[in-house]
Amino acid sequence: MALRILLVRHGLSSFNLEHRIQGRDDLSSLTEEGFRQARATGEALRDLPITAAYSSPLRRAKDTAAALLEAHGGGLEARLDDDLLEVDLAPWSGLLSSELPQRFPEPYRIWKHHPEQLILQRADGSSYAPIPELMDQAARFAAKLLAAHSPAAPEPQTVLVVGHNAILRCLLLSLLGLPASGFRRLRIENASLSVLNLSPAEGGGVSVQIESLNGTTHLHPELCGSRLPAKGPGPRLLLVRHGETDWNRQGRFQGQIDIPLNDTGRAQAAAAGAFLKNVSVDRAYTSSMSRPRQTAEGILQHHPGVPLTSVSHLVEIGHGAWEGQLEQEIAAGWPQLLADWKRAPETVQMPEGETIHDVWERSLRGWNAIAAGLQADETAVVVAHDAVNKTILCALLGLGPADIWAVKQGNGGVTVIDYPHGAQEPPVVVCLNQTAHLGGVLDRTAAGAL
């Protein structure tokens, strides 16, 4: 990791509290709760040196950045950048959210379902497309950020970016190379923390990995981190990676060899169980292998009576002849194939094993069947494996099989997926790879083989 980017949305504002549209106007201010959230975020990041900080110049973001950095104690001030301004919704700014469906029924419908297609009019009568304009703005900021803080720099850097809901979504899409149509696939809460790791890509360019997305557990230390973003209408799925095994710790490829949890893995399963203790769970599903089943059983200790169903489609990728081997052993026997696996996983046929396309097809078949079987008010836990979870999440984010390294899945990490319009409609990645219940806001779990 050469460049870490910390994305933070401003704390709760007066317009958030009143459910008013804020947009680009600077009429909204940070509430006392918003200041508390900003300070809590700074304190959660206190042990992490921050190289530079950037903020939107709007008060609610600027004040969040100042309070966060003061609590962090690193002596930094945020540089204000107009390319971090919030989306321009001028005709709607200041209105209650509840007013929009009545006053602007068709534009509001487009905004809720296809915001990239929304067209509004400025005071001078000219038309503009808010989200495409914001995507251009996000791309400009990303280019400036990478020019100032190259992932190829010899020393690692950590950069804080404080902004708003819509601009941070567009910045994520821009960095991941995704189109504006993915805007509604993401959710960004007040004072949430998202962590991106950027590194030089082979042949030029930049590789981007989402370490975590929309984390809010640091805002509620009194609850030991057991707070997830609120569930809305539609079913919710909690996707969990199994706890650590000895082979994860050693960096040994395990694939479909049925390695059980080690002591750390059992502790991670117990921590995930405590983290989800107060969440209403109706059903649970696991890969048929022992390490996810043991993790699921640790979670379900707090949910007696919830049925646990094995799903064969969710078993880990079959590494074939690589299974049981350390990475250096694989490098000795299959140097080019291992290099291709790291660079272009979608091109690799595992010797005597599977392709990532095979895993993609079967894991999504299992996942979609689970989602389709849930009632609107139900929540299900799904426990599986690194490669399986990555294929599912890439598909939900709009990425492809070539992008599996763009998503991190820590042992015992929790991801939340909502289907607000039902299982047949696009889902929302509410938060991704939450590991604060395992200690700290960064993912410190084993970085071993799959």
Protein backbone atom coordinates (compact mmCIF):
# COMPACT_ATOMS: atom_id res chain seq x y z
CA MET A 1 0.00 0.00 0.00
CA ALA A 2 1.54 3.29 -1.15
CA LEU A 3 -1.38 5.71 -0.79
CA ARG A 4 -4.27 5.39 1.65
CA ILE A 5 -7.27 7.68 1.17
CA LEU A 6 -9.68 8.27 4.05
CA LEU A 7 -13.08 9.50 2.84
CA VAL A 8 -15.26 11.13 5.50
CA ARG A 9 -18.69 12.67 5.00
CA HIS A 10 -19.48 15.75 7.09
CA GLY A 11 -21.25 15.24 10.42
CA LEU A 12 -24.96 15.66 11.02
CA SER A 13 -26.06 19.11 9.81
CA SER A 14 -29.07 21.29 10.57
CA PHE A 15 -30.60 20.46 7.18
CA ASN A 16 -29.94 16.72 7.72
CA LEU A 17 -31.82 17.02 11.01
CA GLU A 18 -34.73 18.80 9.33
CA HIS A 19 -34.70 16.47 6.29
CA ARG A 20 -34.05 19.36 3.91
CA ILE A 21 -32.22 19.30 0.59
CA GLN A 22 -28.79 20.87 1.04
CA GLY A 23 -27.07 20.64 -2.29
CA ARG A 24 -24.44 23.27 -2.95
CA ASP A 25 -26.00 26.05 -0.87
CA ASP A 26 -24.13 27.00 2.30
CA LEU A 27 -27.24 27.54 4.43
CA SER A 28 -26.78 24.44 6.58
CA SER A 29 -24.49 24.25 9.60
CA LEU A 30 -23.03 21.45 11.67
CA THR A 31 -25.14 20.45 14.69
CA GLU A 32 -23.75 19.63 18.14
CA GLU A 33 -24.19 15.96 17.24
CA GLY A 34 -22.28 16.63 14.01
CA PHE A 35 -19.38 18.14 15.97
CA ARG A 36 -19.42 15.12 18.30
CA GLN A 37 -19.29 12.79 15.29
CA ALA A 38 -16.37 14.73 13.80
CA ARG A 39 -14.42 14.54 17.07
CA ALA A 40 -15.19 10.82 17.41
CA THR A 41 -13.83 10.23 13.91
CA GLY A 42 -10.66 12.16 14.70
CA GLU A 43 -10.14 10.20 17.90
CA ALA A 44 -10.65 6.91 16.04
CA LEU A 45 -7.90 7.95 13.62
CA ARG A 46 -5.53 9.29 16.31
CA ASP A 47 -2.98 6.47 15.93
CA LEU A 48 -2.84 6.90 12.15
CA PRO A 49 -0.48 9.60 10.83
CA ILE A 50 -2.22 11.77 8.21
CA THR A 51 -0.02 13.29 5.50
CA ALA A 52 -2.49 15.85 4.12
CA ALA A 53 -6.16 16.80 4.41
CA TYR A 54 -8.65 18.26 1.93
CA SER A 55 -12.17 19.54 2.48
CA SER A 56 -15.13 21.02 0.72
CA PRO A 57 -15.35 24.75 1.51
CA LEU A 58 -19.00 24.46 2.59
CA ARG A 59 -19.37 25.09 6.34
CA ARG A 60 -20.72 21.70 7.31
CA ALA A 61 -17.72 19.96 5.73
CA LYS A 62 -15.11 22.59 6.66
CA ASP A 63 -16.19 22.50 10.33
CA THR A 64 -16.18 18.70 10.31
CA ALA A 65 -12.62 18.66 8.97
CA ALA A 66 -11.45 21.21 11.55
CA ALA A 67 -13.02 19.36 14.50
CA LEU A 68 -11.77 15.99 13.23
CA LEU A 69 -8.20 17.20 12.75
CA GLU A 70 -8.15 18.92 16.14
CA ALA A 71 -9.26 15.67 17.82
CA HIS A 72 -6.72 13.74 15.75
CA GLY A 73 -3.96 15.90 17.18
CA GLY A 74 -1.68 15.83 14.15
CA GLY A 75 -1.51 19.61 13.75
CA LEU A 76 -2.89 19.60 10.20
CA GLU A 77 -5.33 22.02 8.59
CA ALA A 78 -7.49 20.98 5.67
CA ARG A 79 -6.94 22.56 2.28
CA LEU A 80 -10.25 23.74 0.82
CA ASP A 81 -11.05 22.62 -2.72
CA ASP A 82 -14.09 23.65 -4.78
CA ASP A 83 -14.01 20.31 -6.55
CA LEU A 84 -15.27 18.78 -3.29
CA LEU A 85 -18.45 20.91 -3.32
CA GLU A 86 -21.70 18.99 -3.05
CA VAL A 87 -24.00 18.26 -6.00
CA ASP A 88 -25.79 21.30 -7.41
CA LEU A 89 -29.52 20.87 -6.75
CA ALA A 90 -30.27 24.60 -6.79
CA PRO A 91 -34.01 24.45 -7.62
CA TRP A 92 -34.56 22.09 -4.70
CA SER A 93 -32.17 23.52 -2.10
CA GLY A 94 -33.84 24.29 1.22
CA LEU A 95 -36.97 22.26 0.47
CA LEU A 96 -38.10 19.44 2.71
CA SER A 97 -37.46 16.01 1.24
CA SER A 98 -41.16 15.27 1.70
CA GLU A 99 -42.08 18.19 -0.60
CA LEU A 100 -40.26 16.86 -3.66
CA PRO A 101 -42.62 13.99 -4.60
CA GLN A 102 -45.59 16.37 -4.66
CA ARG A 103 -43.96 19.38 -6.31
CA PHE A 104 -41.62 17.58 -8.73
CA PRO A 105 -43.06 14.07 -9.16
CA GLU A 106 -41.28 13.03 -12.37
CA PRO A 107 -37.86 14.62 -11.65
CA TYR A 108 -38.03 13.16 -8.14
CA ARG A 109 -38.74 9.68 -9.53
CA ILE A 110 -35.73 10.02 -11.83
CA TRP A 111 -33.58 11.26 -8.94
CA LYS A 112 -34.49 8.26 -6.79
CA HIS A 113 -34.03 5.61 -9.48
CA HIS A 114 -31.77 7.01 -12.22
CA PRO A 115 -30.12 10.16 -10.82
CA GLU A 116 -27.57 10.24 -13.64
CA GLN A 117 -30.49 11.05 -15.99
CA LEU A 118 -31.86 13.96 -13.96
CA ILE A 119 -32.03 17.34 -15.74
CA LEU A 120 -32.69 20.53 -13.77
CA GLN A 121 -32.94 24.20 -14.70
CA ARG A 122 -30.84 27.02 -13.30
CA ALA A 123 -32.27 30.43 -12.44
CA ASP A 124 -31.22 31.75 -15.87
CA GLY A 125 -33.29 29.03 -17.56
CA SER A 126 -30.35 26.91 -18.70
CA SER A 127 -30.53 23.16 -18.23
CA TYR A 128 -27.90 21.01 -16.54
CA ALA A 129 -27.33 17.41 -15.46
CA PRO A 130 -26.29 17.42 -11.77
CA ILE A 131 -24.73 13.96 -11.50
CA PRO A 132 -22.76 13.93 -14.79
CA GLU A 133 -21.40 17.37 -13.84
CA LEU A 134 -20.48 16.02 -10.40
CA MET A 135 -18.72 13.03 -11.98
CA ASP A 136 -16.56 15.44 -14.00
CA GLN A 137 -15.84 17.39 -10.81
CA ALA A 138 -14.88 14.19 -8.95
CA ALA A 139 -12.53 13.17 -11.79
CA ARG A 140 -10.81 16.58 -11.60
CA PHE A 141 -10.28 16.24 -7.88
CA ALA A 142 -9.00 12.67 -8.21
CA ALA A 143 -6.49 13.78 -10.85
CA LYS A 144 -5.21 16.61 -8.62
CA LEU A 145 -5.01 14.30 -5.62
CA LEU A 146 -2.98 11.66 -7.49
CA ALA A 147 -0.68 14.31 -8.94
CA ALA A 148 0.05 15.65 -5.45
CA HIS A 149 0.23 12.25 -3.73
CA SER A 150 1.47 9.67 -6.19
CA PRO A 151 0.92 6.01 -5.22
CA ALA A 152 4.38 5.45 -6.70
CA ALA A 153 6.03 7.76 -4.14
CA PRO A 154 8.76 6.03 -2.10
CA GLU A 155 7.10 6.78 1.24
CA PRO A 156 3.54 5.67 2.10
CA GLN A 157 1.04 8.49 2.48
CA THR A 158 -2.38 8.80 4.12
CA VAL A 159 -4.70 11.54 2.83
CA LEU A 160 -7.95 12.65 4.47
CA VAL A 161 -10.80 13.89 2.23
CA VAL A 162 -13.86 15.45 3.89
CA GLY A 163 -16.85 16.02 1.66
CA HIS A 164 -20.53 15.32 1.13
CA ASN A 165 -22.79 12.40 0.32
CA ALA A 166 -23.04 12.80 -3.46
CA ILE A 167 -19.51 14.02 -4.21
CA LEU A 168 -17.97 11.18 -2.19
CA ARG A 169 -20.08 8.63 -4.06
CA CYS A 170 -18.95 10.14 -7.37
CA LEU A 171 -15.34 10.18 -6.20
CA LEU A 172 -15.56 6.47 -5.35
CA LEU A 173 -17.10 5.72 -8.75
CA SER A 174 -14.44 7.79 -10.52
CA LEU A 175 -11.53 6.10 -8.74
CA LEU A 176 -13.00 2.66 -9.46
CA GLY A 177 -13.62 3.50 -13.12
CA LEU A 178 -17.37 3.02 -12.74
CA PRO A 179 -20.11 5.00 -14.53
CA ALA A 180 -22.57 7.43 -12.96
CA SER A 181 -25.26 4.74 -13.16
CA GLY A 182 -23.65 3.18 -10.09
CA PHE A 183 -24.50 6.20 -7.92
CA ARG A 184 -27.41 4.51 -6.11
CA ARG A 185 -25.40 1.34 -5.43
CA LEU A 186 -23.50 3.17 -2.65
CA ARG A 187 -24.50 4.63 0.69
CA ILE A 188 -22.56 7.26 2.66
CA GLU A 189 -23.65 8.16 6.22
CA ASN A 190 -22.84 11.30 8.21
CA ALA A 191 -19.24 11.14 9.52
CA SER A 192 -18.78 7.69 8.01
CA LEU A 193 -15.27 6.49 7.17
CA SER A 194 -14.32 4.77 3.92
CA VAL A 195 -10.75 3.55 3.35
CA LEU A 196 -9.16 3.14 -0.09
CA ASN A 197 -5.70 1.71 -0.79
CA LEU A 198 -4.02 2.82 -4.02
CA SER A 199 -0.88 1.36 -5.56
CA PRO A 200 0.89 1.59 -8.93
CA ALA A 201 -0.57 -0.75 -11.52
CA GLU A 202 1.62 -2.88 -13.73
CA GLY A 203 2.02 -1.13 -17.06
CA GLY A 204 1.04 2.26 -15.65
CA GLY A 205 -2.04 3.64 -13.99
CA VAL A 206 -3.30 3.01 -10.48
CA SER A 207 -4.85 0.00 -8.76
CA VAL A 208 -7.60 0.85 -6.28
CA GLN A 209 -8.74 -1.38 -3.44
CA ILE A 210 -11.73 -0.70 -1.21
CA GLU A 211 -10.55 -1.70 2.24
CA SER A 212 -13.80 -0.58 3.86
CA LEU A 213 -16.83 1.49 2.94
CA ASN A 214 -19.22 3.63 4.99
CA GLY A 215 -18.01 2.59 8.42
CA THR A 216 -19.92 4.18 11.30
CA THR A 217 -19.01 1.96 14.25
CA HIS A 218 -16.37 4.46 15.44
CA LEU A 219 -19.19 6.94 16.15
CA HIS A 220 -20.62 4.77 18.94
CA PRO A 221 -17.72 3.57 21.12
CA GLU A 222 -20.13 3.27 24.05
CA LEU A 223 -21.81 0.44 22.14
CA CYS A 224 -18.50 -1.35 21.51
CA GLY A 225 -18.98 -0.67 17.82
CA SER A 226 -22.22 -2.66 17.50
CA ARG A 227 -24.06 -0.16 15.33
CA LEU A 228 -24.90 -0.66 11.65
CA PRO A 229 -26.55 1.89 9.35
CA ALA A 230 -30.33 1.75 9.71
CA LYS A 231 -32.26 -0.77 7.63
CA GLY A 232 -34.89 0.66 5.31
CA PRO A 233 -37.56 -1.16 3.27
CA GLY A 234 -36.69 -4.44 1.58
CA PRO A 235 -34.56 -7.41 2.69
CA ARG A 236 -31.05 -7.04 4.14
CA LEU A 237 -28.14 -9.48 3.82
CA LEU A 238 -25.09 -9.49 6.09
CA LEU A 239 -22.17 -10.99 4.18
CA VAL A 240 -19.34 -12.23 6.42
CA ARG A 241 -15.98 -13.76 5.59
CA HIS A 242 -15.00 -16.73 7.76
CA GLY A 243 -12.52 -16.27 10.59
CA GLU A 244 -8.81 -16.94 10.33
CA THR A 245 -7.30 -20.39 9.78
CA ASP A 246 -3.71 -21.48 10.30
CA TRP A 247 -3.32 -21.55 6.51
CA ASN A 248 -4.53 -17.93 6.24
CA ARG A 249 -1.90 -16.97 8.79
CA GLN A 250 0.83 -18.90 6.93
CA GLY A 251 -0.17 -17.61 3.49
CA ARG A 252 -0.97 -21.14 2.31
CA PHE A 253 -3.54 -21.59 -0.48
CA GLN A 254 -6.43 -23.56 0.99
CA GLY A 255 -9.19 -23.33 -1.62
CA GLN A 256 -11.48 -26.31 -1.19
CA ILE A 257 -9.36 -28.14 1.38
CA ASP A 258 -11.50 -28.08 4.51
CA ILE A 259 -9.26 -26.26 6.98
CA PRO A 260 -10.96 -25.32 10.30
CA LEU A 261 -10.67 -22.05 12.22
CA ASN A 262 -7.69 -21.50 14.48
CA ASP A 263 -7.90 -19.83 17.90
CA THR A 264 -7.79 -16.36 16.32
CA GLY A 265 -10.52 -17.35 13.88
CA ARG A 266 -12.75 -18.60 16.67
CA ALA A 267 -12.19 -15.31 18.52
CA GLN A 268 -13.06 -13.40 15.33
CA ALA A 269 -16.27 -15.42 14.96
CA ALA A 270 -17.17 -14.63 18.56
CA ALA A 271 -16.41 -10.93 17.98
CA ALA A 272 -18.59 -10.89 14.84
CA GLY A 273 -21.32 -12.54 16.91
CA ALA A 274 -21.07 -9.86 19.59
CA PHE A 275 -21.03 -7.16 16.90
CA LEU A 276 -24.27 -8.50 15.39
CA LYS A 277 -25.86 -9.48 18.70
CA ASN A 278 -28.49 -6.73 18.64
CA VAL A 279 -29.32 -7.14 14.94
CA SER A 280 -32.56 -8.97 14.18
CA VAL A 281 -31.60 -12.06 12.15
CA ASP A 282 -34.21 -14.30 10.52
CA ARG A 283 -32.11 -16.76 8.54
CA ALA A 284 -28.49 -17.78 8.10
CA TYR A 285 -26.60 -19.42 5.25
CA THR A 286 -23.07 -20.80 5.02
CA SER A 287 -20.72 -22.40 2.57
CA SER A 288 -20.70 -26.15 3.20
CA MET A 289 -17.09 -25.98 4.42
CA SER A 290 -16.12 -26.05 8.10
CA ARG A 291 -14.43 -22.64 8.46
CA PRO A 292 -17.49 -20.59 7.40
CA ARG A 293 -19.84 -22.95 9.25
CA GLN A 294 -17.87 -22.51 12.47
CA THR A 295 -17.97 -18.73 11.94
CA ALA A 296 -21.72 -18.80 11.34
CA GLU A 297 -22.24 -20.89 14.47
CA GLY A 298 -20.26 -18.31 16.48
CA ILE A 299 -22.54 -15.56 15.19
CA LEU A 300 -25.71 -17.55 15.82
CA GLN A 301 -24.83 -18.09 19.49
CA HIS A 302 -26.72 -14.83 20.00
CA HIS A 303 -29.62 -15.83 17.73
CA PRO A 304 -30.98 -19.16 19.02
CA GLY A 305 -33.50 -20.81 16.78
CA VAL A 306 -32.33 -19.17 13.55
CA PRO A 307 -31.93 -21.94 10.93
CA LEU A 308 -28.50 -22.38 9.31
CA THR A 309 -28.54 -23.67 5.73
CA SER A 310 -25.51 -24.91 3.78
CA VAL A 311 -25.18 -23.65 0.21
CA SER A 312 -22.73 -25.58 -1.99
CA HIS A 313 -22.51 -22.70 -4.51
CA LEU A 314 -20.68 -20.67 -1.83
CA VAL A 315 -17.63 -22.94 -1.40
CA GLU A 316 -14.23 -21.33 -1.97
CA ILE A 317 -12.51 -21.25 -5.35
CA GLY A 318 -10.91 -24.55 -6.31
CA HIS A 319 -7.17 -23.84 -6.57
CA GLY A 320 -6.48 -27.36 -7.83
CA ALA A 321 -2.77 -28.21 -7.71
CA TRP A 322 -2.04 -25.00 -5.75
CA GLU A 323 -4.03 -26.10 -2.72
CA GLY A 324 -1.93 -26.71 0.36
CA GLN A 325 1.05 -24.80 -1.06
CA LEU A 326 2.69 -21.60 0.12
CA GLU A 327 2.93 -18.70 -2.30
CA GLN A 328 6.69 -19.12 -2.70
CA GLU A 329 6.15 -22.78 -3.63
CA ILE A 330 3.61 -21.79 -6.26
CA ALA A 331 5.98 -19.09 -7.54
CA ALA A 332 8.65 -21.77 -8.02
CA GLY A 333 6.36 -24.10 -9.95
CA TRP A 334 4.04 -21.72 -11.82
CA PRO A 335 5.76 -18.31 -11.86
CA GLN A 336 3.92 -16.84 -14.85
CA LEU A 337 0.52 -18.21 -13.82
CA LEU A 338 0.90 -16.77 -10.32
CA ALA A 339 1.93 -13.40 -11.80
CA ASP A 340 -1.11 -13.51 -14.07
CA TRP A 341 -3.36 -14.37 -11.10
CA LYS A 342 -2.18 -11.23 -9.31
CA ARG A 343 -2.30 -9.02 -12.42
CA ALA A 344 -5.26 -10.34 -14.43
CA PRO A 345 -7.15 -12.99 -12.42
CA GLU A 346 -9.88 -13.26 -15.04
CA THR A 347 -7.37 -14.84 -17.46
CA VAL A 348 -6.22 -17.66 -15.18
CA GLN A 349 -7.29 -21.30 -15.29
CA MET A 350 -6.11 -22.84 -12.02
CA PRO A 351 -4.15 -26.04 -12.70
CA GLU A 352 -6.70 -28.82 -12.11
CA GLY A 353 -8.96 -26.16 -10.55
CA GLU A 354 -11.43 -23.40 -11.38
CA THR A 355 -11.42 -20.00 -13.05
CA ILE A 356 -12.71 -16.86 -11.37
CA HIS A 357 -15.53 -16.95 -13.95
CA ASP A 358 -16.59 -20.36 -12.59
CA VAL A 359 -16.71 -18.93 -9.06
CA TRP A 360 -18.50 -15.79 -10.26
CA GLU A 361 -21.27 -17.81 -11.89
CA ARG A 362 -21.93 -20.21 -9.03
CA SER A 363 -21.50 -17.74 -6.15
CA LEU A 364 -23.96 -15.29 -7.71
CA ARG A 365 -26.40 -18.11 -8.38
CA GLY A 366 -26.31 -18.98 -4.68
CA TRP A 367 -26.45 -15.36 -3.52
CA ASN A 368 -29.33 -14.39 -5.81
CA ALA A 369 -31.34 -17.41 -4.71
CA ILE A 370 -30.88 -16.42 -1.06
CA ALA A 371 -31.89 -12.79 -1.75
CA ALA A 372 -34.94 -13.85 -3.76
CA GLY A 373 -36.11 -16.12 -0.93
CA LEU A 374 -36.28 -13.36 1.70
CA GLN A 375 -39.35 -11.42 2.73
CA ALA A 376 -39.18 -7.61 2.67
CA ASP A 377 -38.72 -7.32 6.44
CA GLU A 378 -36.16 -10.14 6.78
CA THR A 379 -32.43 -10.03 7.47
CA ALA A 380 -30.14 -12.95 6.67
CA VAL A 381 -26.51 -13.71 7.52
CA VAL A 382 -24.38 -15.26 4.75
CA VAL A 383 -20.92 -16.60 5.68
CA ALA A 384 -18.53 -17.56 2.89
CA HIS A 385 -14.97 -17.10 1.63
CA ASP A 386 -12.61 -14.47 0.27
CA ALA A 387 -12.91 -15.16 -3.47
CA VAL A 388 -16.64 -15.94 -3.21
CA ASN A 389 -17.38 -12.73 -1.32
CA LYS A 390 -15.25 -10.71 -3.72
CA THR A 391 -17.10 -11.98 -6.79
CA ILE A 392 -20.45 -11.23 -5.16
CA LEU A 393 -19.40 -7.72 -4.15
CA CYS A 394 -17.83 -6.92 -7.51
CA ALA A 395 -21.08 -7.87 -9.20
CA LEU A 396 -23.16 -5.78 -6.77
CA LEU A 397 -20.88 -2.76 -7.27
CA GLY A 398 -20.94 -3.05 -11.06
CA LEU A 399 -17.35 -4.34 -11.35
CA GLY A 400 -16.28 -7.47 -13.24
CA PRO A 401 -14.22 -10.65 -12.71
CA ALA A 402 -11.04 -8.73 -13.56
CA ASP A 403 -11.63 -6.51 -10.52
CA ILE A 404 -11.67 -8.97 -7.62
CA TRP A 405 -8.55 -7.39 -6.07
CA ALA A 406 -10.46 -4.08 -5.86
CA VAL A 407 -12.42 -5.38 -2.86
CA LYS A 408 -10.91 -6.42 0.46
CA GLN A 409 -12.50 -9.06 2.68
CA GLY A 410 -10.93 -9.41 6.11
CA ASN A 411 -11.37 -12.54 8.22
CA GLY A 412 -14.51 -11.95 10.29
CA GLY A 413 -15.34 -8.76 8.35
CA VAL A 414 -19.01 -7.79 7.94
CA THR A 415 -20.60 -6.30 4.81
CA VAL A 416 -24.21 -5.08 4.62
CA ILE A 417 -26.32 -5.24 1.45
CA ASP A 418 -29.87 -3.85 1.21
CA TYR A 419 -32.46 -4.48 -1.50
CA PRO A 420 -34.74 -1.44 -1.02
CA HIS A 421 -36.82 -2.23 -4.11
CA GLY A 422 -36.79 -6.03 -3.81
CA ALA A 423 -34.37 -8.75 -4.84
CA GLN A 424 -35.04 -8.24 -8.57
CA GLU A 425 -33.84 -4.62 -8.48
CA PRO A 426 -30.29 -3.29 -7.95
CA PRO A 427 -29.08 -3.51 -4.34
CA VAL A 428 -27.27 -0.93 -2.21
CA VAL A 429 -23.87 -1.67 -0.66
CA VAL A 430 -24.65 -0.11 2.72
CA CYS A 431 -21.21 -0.77 4.23
CA LEU A 432 -18.34 -3.03 3.24
CA ASN A 433 -15.74 -5.01 5.19
CA GLN A 434 -16.42 -3.63 8.65
CA THR A 435 -13.73 -4.95 11.01
CA ALA A 436 -13.87 -2.43 13.88
CA HIS A 437 -15.20 -5.20 16.15
CA LEU A 438 -11.80 -6.87 15.66
CA GLY A 439 -9.88 -3.76 16.83
CA GLY A 440 -9.56 -0.30 15.24
CA VAL A 441 -10.98 1.30 12.12
CA LEU A 442 -8.45 -0.31 9.74
CA ASP A 443 -8.55 -3.94 8.61
CA ARG A 444 -5.68 -5.62 10.45
CA THR A 445 -6.70 -9.23 9.75
CA ALA A 446 -4.32 -11.75 8.19
CA ALA A 447 -3.40 -11.02 4.57
CA GLY A 448 -2.86 -14.69 3.76
CA ALA A 449 -3.79 -16.70 0.69
CA LEU A 450 -7.35 -17.49 -0.32
